[in-house]
Amino acid sequence: MIITCKKDAPQSEVDKIVHSFESQGLQVNIIHGANYNVFGIVGDTHVVDEKRLMSNPWVENVTRVAAPYKKVNRFFHPEDTIVDVGGIKVGGKEKIVVIGGPCSVEGLDMVCSVAEEVKAAGGCMLRGGAYKPRTSPYAFQGMGTEGILAMAEARKRTGMPIVSEIMSADKIDEFVEHVDLLQVGARNMQNFDLLKALGKINKPILLKRGLSNTIEEWLMSAEYIMAGGNENVILCERGIRTFEKYTRNTLDLSVVPIVKKKTHLPIIIDPSHATGNWELVESMSLAAIAAGADGLIVEVHPNPEEAWSDGAQSLKPKKFKEMIDKARVIANVVGRDL
C-alpha cells in the first residue's frame, strides 16, 4: 500500500500517521520528496481502512500496490542495492563481478589450484559445490564439510570470497562460519523453511531462479528472505525449463532488464547451467553483460573431461581468461568496469 501525504503536512501529523500503521503491526518505509512524503506500507494491509485514511485532511492519496512483494519492489527502494560479499561489491552501475570455480570441490589441492587460476584470469570470487543436489541419488553428492573447509583454505591463499550452495537449514551454522555468499539452488528456490531461516542471518544470499518458476515467484522467494530481516540478496538467472532440448536449459536474458525495472536487487547470470555446453558459455556471458547483468558465475575446471560433475559445461582456465578479456570490452561499451 502507498500513502501520499499533502506537501504542507506538519511533521506532527506525519508522525501520527506513521504511528497508526506501526500500531497495527505494519512496517513503514518513508520516501521523502521535495513536495511530498510517500509511505510504503509493508505487511498485511487488509487491516487498513482506505476510507478512514482518506478522511484524514493531510492524506492526498491511497493506493494498493498490485505486486505482492514489497521489500523487493523498486518503488519502495529506488536506489540500486549493493551487496557486500567479503569486500566485493555486487550491484550498482559501475563494477561487474565474475565468479568462477568448479561445479564440485574435488579436494584441497584441486580447489586451491583452480582458485589461483580464477584469480589470475580476473575473477574476484570462487565458487564450488560441497553439498550437491543431484537428479540421481547414485551421482556424486559432494564432499560436505571437507569441501567447505577446502574452499576456506583456498580463500586464505587467494583472498577471494567463496560461494557455495546450502541445501538445508541444519547446515546454516557451518555456512555462516565458513562461507561468504550462501547460494540457494534452483531446486530450493521455494524451500520456504530454508528461506525463512536464511532471513534471520546476516550473510549475503545468492538466490537462483527455479527451473520452472515465474519472475514473480522468484521475487517472492527473495521477499521471504528479506521479510526475515536479511536484505543482502543477489538474484541469479540460471536458465529455465522449456520444450527445447538442444541446451540444458533456456537462458532467459530478457529477465535482466525486467528485474532491473521491478526490483533494486542485483542480478547475475549463470551461463554454465543455462546452456550445459562450454562452447556456448562465452557468447552467453557477453550477451548477459550487454543486457545489463551485474555479474557472472561460471564453472571452471582444469580437466573438464575428468570432472566429478558437469564437466561438459565447464571452461578450462585459459578459455575462462579469454572470456573475461572479451567481457571487459563489452563492459566498457555499456559504461561499466570488470
Protein backbone atom coordinates (compact mmCIF):
# COMPACT_ATOMS: atom_id res chain seq x y z
CA MET A 1 0.00 0.00 0.00
CA ILE A 2 1.22 3.51 -0.85
CA ILE A 3 0.09 6.57 1.12
CA THR A 4 0.85 10.06 -0.19
CA CYS A 5 0.66 12.97 2.24
CA LYS A 6 0.00 16.55 1.18
CA LYS A 7 3.15 18.62 0.73
CA ASP A 8 2.34 21.01 3.57
CA ALA A 9 1.50 18.30 6.12
CA PRO A 10 3.04 19.18 9.53
CA GLN A 11 5.63 16.71 10.84
CA SER A 12 3.43 16.05 13.87
CA GLU A 13 0.62 14.86 11.58
CA VAL A 14 3.04 12.73 9.56
CA ASP A 15 4.26 11.12 12.79
CA LYS A 16 0.68 10.34 13.81
CA ILE A 17 0.02 8.58 10.51
CA VAL A 18 3.21 6.54 10.82
CA HIS A 19 2.33 5.57 14.39
CA SER A 20 -1.14 4.46 13.35
CA PHE A 21 0.38 1.97 10.89
CA GLU A 22 3.06 0.72 13.23
CA SER A 23 0.49 0.15 15.98
CA GLN A 24 -1.21 -2.32 13.60
CA GLY A 25 1.99 -4.30 13.17
CA LEU A 26 2.85 -2.82 9.78
CA GLN A 27 6.26 -1.64 8.64
CA VAL A 28 6.51 1.89 7.21
CA ASN A 29 9.09 2.86 4.57
CA ILE A 30 9.15 6.64 4.05
CA ILE A 31 10.21 8.25 0.78
CA HIS A 32 10.91 11.95 1.25
CA GLY A 33 10.30 14.10 -1.80
CA ALA A 34 10.73 17.83 -2.36
CA ASN A 35 6.99 18.40 -2.35
CA TYR A 36 5.54 15.28 -0.74
CA ASN A 37 6.02 12.36 1.64
CA VAL A 38 5.17 8.87 0.47
CA PHE A 39 4.72 5.93 2.84
CA GLY A 40 5.26 2.38 1.60
CA ILE A 41 3.33 0.08 3.91
CA VAL A 42 4.64 -3.49 4.23
CA GLY A 43 2.63 -6.27 5.84
CA ASP A 44 -0.99 -7.40 5.89
CA THR A 45 -2.57 -4.16 4.67
CA HIS A 46 -6.05 -5.69 4.66
CA VAL A 47 -6.34 -4.31 8.20
CA VAL A 48 -6.08 -0.76 6.81
CA ASP A 49 -9.36 1.05 6.14
CA GLU A 50 -8.79 3.12 2.99
CA LYS A 51 -11.88 5.31 3.50
CA ARG A 52 -10.84 6.15 7.03
CA LEU A 53 -7.37 7.08 5.78
CA MET A 54 -8.78 9.34 3.08
CA SER A 55 -10.84 11.17 5.71
CA ASN A 56 -7.58 12.50 7.13
CA PRO A 57 -7.17 16.05 5.74
CA TRP A 58 -3.40 15.58 5.36
CA VAL A 59 -3.66 12.46 3.18
CA GLU A 60 -3.56 13.11 -0.55
CA ASN A 61 -3.94 9.60 -1.95
CA VAL A 62 -4.12 5.91 -1.00
CA THR A 63 -3.09 3.20 -3.48
CA ARG A 64 -2.89 -0.54 -3.02
CA VAL A 65 0.17 -2.00 -4.75
CA ALA A 66 -0.64 -4.85 -7.12
CA ALA A 67 2.77 -6.54 -6.75
CA PRO A 68 2.74 -8.90 -3.74
CA TYR A 69 6.41 -8.22 -2.98
CA LYS A 70 7.15 -5.04 -1.07
CA LYS A 71 10.73 -5.13 0.21
CA VAL A 72 11.98 -6.33 -3.16
CA ASN A 73 9.96 -3.67 -5.01
CA ARG A 74 11.97 -0.86 -6.57
CA PHE A 75 9.14 1.60 -5.84
CA PHE A 76 9.94 1.48 -2.13
CA HIS A 77 13.70 1.40 -2.73
CA PRO A 78 14.53 3.45 -5.85
CA GLU A 79 18.31 3.16 -5.46
CA ASP A 80 20.14 0.04 -6.58
CA THR A 81 21.10 -2.23 -3.70
CA ILE A 82 24.80 -3.01 -3.50
CA VAL A 83 25.61 -6.22 -1.63
CA ASP A 84 29.00 -6.55 0.06
CA VAL A 85 30.46 -10.06 -0.23
CA GLY A 86 33.70 -10.18 1.70
CA GLY A 87 34.67 -6.74 0.46
CA ILE A 88 33.48 -7.32 -3.14
CA LYS A 89 30.60 -5.03 -4.10
CA VAL A 90 27.84 -6.62 -6.19
CA GLY A 91 25.31 -4.29 -7.83
CA GLY A 92 25.16 -0.64 -8.75
CA LYS A 93 26.12 0.83 -12.10
CA GLU A 94 29.91 0.57 -12.08
CA LYS A 95 31.54 -2.79 -11.38
CA ILE A 96 30.67 -6.17 -12.89
CA VAL A 97 31.81 -9.19 -10.86
CA VAL A 98 32.90 -12.57 -12.22
CA ILE A 99 32.70 -15.68 -10.04
CA GLY A 100 34.48 -18.82 -11.19
CA GLY A 101 35.26 -22.29 -9.96
CA PRO A 102 34.41 -25.98 -10.24
CA CYS A 103 30.91 -27.41 -10.05
CA SER A 104 32.15 -29.73 -7.30
CA VAL A 105 35.06 -29.41 -4.91
CA GLU A 106 37.29 -32.41 -5.65
CA GLY A 107 39.90 -31.95 -2.93
CA LEU A 108 42.08 -29.32 -1.32
CA ASP A 109 44.85 -29.20 -3.94
CA MET A 110 42.39 -29.12 -6.81
CA VAL A 111 40.21 -26.29 -5.50
CA CYS A 112 43.20 -24.19 -4.43
CA SER A 113 44.76 -24.61 -7.86
CA VAL A 114 41.53 -23.58 -9.60
CA ALA A 115 41.21 -20.62 -7.23
CA GLU A 116 44.65 -19.36 -8.28
CA GLU A 117 43.68 -19.73 -11.94
CA VAL A 118 40.37 -17.93 -11.44
CA LYS A 119 42.06 -15.02 -9.71
CA ALA A 120 44.82 -14.78 -12.33
CA ALA A 121 42.19 -14.67 -15.09
CA GLY A 122 40.38 -11.74 -13.48
CA GLY A 123 37.75 -13.46 -11.37
CA CYS A 124 37.00 -11.99 -7.95
CA MET A 125 35.16 -14.83 -6.17
CA LEU A 126 35.49 -18.61 -6.02
CA ARG A 127 32.50 -20.88 -6.46
CA GLY A 128 32.46 -24.57 -5.56
CA GLY A 129 29.91 -27.16 -4.57
CA ALA A 130 30.48 -29.06 -1.32
CA TYR A 131 26.90 -30.33 -0.94
CA LYS A 132 25.49 -31.32 -4.32
CA PRO A 133 21.78 -31.67 -5.15
CA ARG A 134 21.82 -34.26 -7.94
CA THR A 135 18.97 -35.63 -10.02
CA SER A 136 20.21 -39.17 -9.46
CA PRO A 137 20.67 -40.49 -5.91
CA TYR A 138 23.63 -42.52 -7.24
CA ALA A 139 25.56 -39.49 -8.52
CA PHE A 140 28.36 -37.82 -6.54
CA GLN A 141 26.75 -35.82 -3.72
CA GLY A 142 29.74 -33.66 -2.76
CA MET A 143 32.49 -33.74 -0.14
CA GLY A 144 30.40 -32.00 2.52
CA THR A 145 32.27 -30.31 5.36
CA GLU A 146 35.61 -31.38 3.92
CA GLY A 147 34.76 -29.49 0.74
CA ILE A 148 33.72 -26.36 2.67
CA LEU A 149 36.99 -26.37 4.61
CA ALA A 150 38.96 -26.84 1.38
CA MET A 151 37.28 -23.75 -0.07
CA ALA A 152 38.02 -21.81 3.10
CA GLU A 153 41.69 -22.69 2.66
CA ALA A 154 41.54 -21.53 -0.98
CA ARG A 155 40.15 -18.21 0.27
CA LYS A 156 43.02 -17.94 2.73
CA ARG A 157 45.55 -18.47 -0.06
CA THR A 158 43.97 -16.18 -2.66
CA GLY A 159 41.98 -13.63 -0.66
CA MET A 160 38.87 -14.32 -2.75
CA PRO A 161 35.44 -14.69 -1.07
CA ILE A 162 33.85 -18.11 -1.55
CA VAL A 163 30.40 -19.11 -2.81
CA SER A 164 28.76 -22.45 -2.09
CA GLU A 165 25.28 -23.94 -2.14
CA ILE A 166 23.37 -24.58 1.07
CA MET A 167 20.71 -27.27 0.84
CA SER A 168 19.14 -27.37 4.28
CA ALA A 169 18.67 -25.18 7.35
CA ASP A 170 20.62 -27.58 9.58
CA LYS A 171 23.83 -26.54 7.79
CA ILE A 172 23.40 -22.81 8.41
CA ASP A 173 25.87 -22.57 11.30
CA GLU A 174 28.58 -24.23 9.22
CA PHE A 175 27.95 -21.94 6.26
CA VAL A 176 27.75 -18.77 8.36
CA GLU A 177 31.14 -19.65 9.86
CA HIS A 178 32.96 -20.52 6.63
CA VAL A 179 31.13 -19.26 3.50
CA ASP A 180 30.93 -15.64 2.29
CA LEU A 181 27.99 -15.97 -0.13
CA LEU A 182 25.35 -18.65 0.53
CA GLN A 183 23.78 -19.96 -2.65
CA VAL A 184 20.18 -21.20 -2.74
CA GLY A 185 19.96 -23.53 -5.70
CA ALA A 186 17.18 -23.73 -8.27
CA ARG A 187 15.60 -26.77 -6.64
CA ASN A 188 15.42 -24.98 -3.28
CA MET A 189 14.08 -21.66 -4.53
CA GLN A 190 10.72 -22.39 -2.92
CA ASN A 191 12.02 -24.22 0.14
CA PHE A 192 10.27 -21.68 2.34
CA ASP A 193 11.56 -23.03 5.66
CA LEU A 194 15.12 -22.63 4.37
CA LEU A 195 14.36 -19.12 3.05
CA LYS A 196 12.89 -18.08 6.40
CA ALA A 197 15.95 -19.38 8.22
CA LEU A 198 18.28 -17.50 5.86
CA GLY A 199 16.26 -14.37 6.55
CA LYS A 200 17.44 -14.48 10.15
CA ILE A 201 21.17 -14.39 9.42
CA ASN A 202 23.42 -11.54 8.33
CA LYS A 203 25.14 -13.19 5.37
CA PRO A 204 24.64 -12.42 1.66
CA ILE A 205 22.38 -14.85 -0.21
CA LEU A 206 22.63 -15.80 -3.90
CA LEU A 207 19.10 -16.84 -4.91
CA LYS A 208 18.87 -18.84 -8.11
CA ARG A 209 15.69 -18.90 -10.15
CA GLY A 210 13.82 -22.20 -10.10
CA LEU A 211 13.73 -24.44 -13.15
CA SER A 212 10.09 -23.67 -13.96
CA ASN A 213 9.35 -20.57 -11.91
CA THR A 214 7.97 -17.24 -13.00
CA ILE A 215 9.73 -13.98 -12.28
CA GLU A 216 7.11 -13.08 -9.67
CA GLU A 217 7.57 -16.40 -7.86
CA TRP A 218 11.32 -15.82 -7.86
CA LEU A 219 10.95 -12.32 -6.43
CA MET A 220 8.52 -13.61 -3.81
CA SER A 221 11.21 -16.07 -2.68
CA ALA A 222 13.56 -13.12 -2.28
CA GLU A 223 10.80 -11.41 -0.30
CA TYR A 224 10.77 -14.35 2.14
CA ILE A 225 14.45 -13.78 2.91
CA MET A 226 14.15 -10.01 3.16
CA ALA A 227 10.98 -10.15 5.25
CA GLY A 228 13.00 -12.05 7.85
CA GLY A 229 15.45 -9.16 8.13
CA ASN A 230 18.25 -10.18 5.74
CA GLU A 231 18.26 -7.69 2.86
CA ASN A 232 21.54 -8.89 1.34
CA VAL A 233 20.07 -10.79 -1.60
CA ILE A 234 21.56 -11.29 -5.08
CA LEU A 235 19.39 -12.83 -7.78
CA CYS A 236 20.79 -15.39 -10.23
CA GLU A 237 19.24 -16.43 -13.55
CA ARG A 238 20.45 -19.93 -14.49
CA GLY A 239 18.07 -20.88 -17.26
CA ILE A 240 14.54 -22.26 -17.15
CA ARG A 241 12.95 -25.44 -18.42
CA THR A 242 11.26 -25.21 -21.82
CA PHE A 243 10.47 -27.64 -24.64
CA GLU A 244 13.93 -27.04 -26.18
CA LYS A 245 16.36 -29.95 -25.81
CA TYR A 246 19.41 -28.56 -27.61
CA THR A 247 20.60 -26.82 -24.46
CA ARG A 248 20.40 -27.98 -20.86
CA ASN A 249 18.01 -25.12 -20.06
CA THR A 250 16.82 -21.97 -21.84
CA LEU A 251 18.69 -18.86 -20.74
CA ASP A 252 16.19 -16.03 -20.23
CA LEU A 253 18.28 -12.90 -20.75
CA SER A 254 15.17 -10.76 -21.05
CA VAL A 255 14.84 -11.21 -17.29
CA VAL A 256 17.76 -8.82 -16.70
CA PRO A 257 16.02 -5.57 -17.77
CA ILE A 258 12.73 -6.83 -16.30
CA VAL A 259 14.32 -7.46 -12.89
CA LYS A 260 16.15 -4.13 -13.08
CA LYS A 261 12.79 -2.40 -13.57
CA LYS A 262 10.87 -4.28 -10.91
CA THR A 263 13.45 -4.56 -8.15
CA HIS A 264 16.52 -2.87 -6.70
CA LEU A 265 18.37 -6.15 -6.14
CA PRO A 266 21.46 -7.05 -8.19
CA ILE A 267 21.25 -9.87 -10.72
CA ILE A 268 23.96 -12.15 -12.07
CA ILE A 269 23.84 -14.79 -14.81
CA ASP A 270 24.92 -18.44 -14.74
CA PRO A 271 25.62 -19.32 -18.39
CA SER A 272 27.09 -22.71 -17.46
CA HIS A 273 23.93 -24.27 -16.03
CA ALA A 274 21.78 -22.36 -18.51
CA THR A 275 23.40 -23.90 -21.59
CA GLY A 276 25.09 -27.05 -20.32
CA ASN A 277 27.67 -26.63 -23.07
CA TRP A 278 31.06 -24.95 -22.59
CA GLU A 279 31.05 -23.78 -26.22
CA LEU A 280 28.05 -21.53 -25.51
CA VAL A 281 29.24 -20.09 -22.20
CA GLU A 282 31.37 -17.28 -23.65
CA SER A 283 28.75 -15.91 -26.04
CA MET A 284 26.02 -16.02 -23.40
CA SER A 285 28.32 -14.31 -20.89
CA LEU A 286 29.00 -11.46 -23.30
CA ALA A 287 25.28 -11.15 -24.08
CA ALA A 288 24.45 -11.07 -20.35
CA ILE A 289 26.82 -8.17 -19.76
CA ALA A 290 25.40 -6.31 -22.73
CA ALA A 291 21.90 -6.88 -21.29
CA GLY A 292 22.90 -5.19 -18.02
CA ALA A 293 23.75 -8.08 -15.68
CA ASP A 294 25.76 -7.22 -12.57
CA GLY A 295 27.92 -10.29 -12.80
CA LEU A 296 28.56 -13.85 -13.99
CA ILE A 297 29.02 -17.16 -12.19
CA VAL A 298 30.91 -19.57 -14.43
CA GLU A 299 32.12 -23.12 -13.94
CA VAL A 300 35.88 -23.55 -14.37
CA HIS A 301 37.78 -26.84 -14.27
CA PRO A 302 41.35 -27.75 -15.32
CA ASN A 303 40.29 -31.11 -16.79
CA PRO A 304 36.57 -30.97 -17.66
CA GLU A 305 36.65 -34.45 -19.19
CA GLU A 306 37.59 -35.82 -15.75
CA ALA A 307 35.32 -33.57 -13.65
CA TRP A 308 33.26 -35.29 -10.98
CA SER A 309 30.20 -33.34 -12.13
CA ASP A 310 29.13 -31.10 -15.02
CA GLY A 311 32.39 -31.22 -16.95
CA ALA A 312 30.60 -30.59 -20.26
CA GLN A 313 29.68 -27.05 -19.21
CA SER A 314 32.98 -26.10 -17.57
CA LEU A 315 35.60 -23.80 -19.10
CA LYS A 316 39.28 -24.54 -18.86
CA PRO A 317 41.22 -21.76 -17.11
CA LYS A 318 42.73 -20.47 -20.38
CA LYS A 319 39.30 -20.20 -22.00
CA PHE A 320 37.94 -18.55 -18.85
CA LYS A 321 40.59 -15.84 -19.11
CA GLU A 322 39.85 -15.31 -22.80
CA MET A 323 36.17 -14.90 -21.95
CA ILE A 324 36.92 -12.33 -19.25
CA ASP A 325 39.16 -10.35 -21.63
CA LYS A 326 36.30 -10.14 -24.13
CA ALA A 327 33.76 -9.43 -21.41
CA ARG A 328 35.84 -6.49 -20.24
CA VAL A 329 35.48 -4.91 -23.70
CA ILE A 330 31.67 -5.32 -23.63
CA ALA A 331 31.56 -3.92 -20.10
CA ASN A 332 33.37 -0.79 -21.26
CA VAL A 333 30.90 -0.37 -24.11
CA VAL A 334 27.99 -0.28 -21.65
CA GLY A 335 29.85 2.08 -19.34
CA ARG A 336 30.97 -0.37 -16.65
CA ASP A 337 34.19 -1.90 -15.37
CA LEU A 338 35.13 -5.54 -14.98
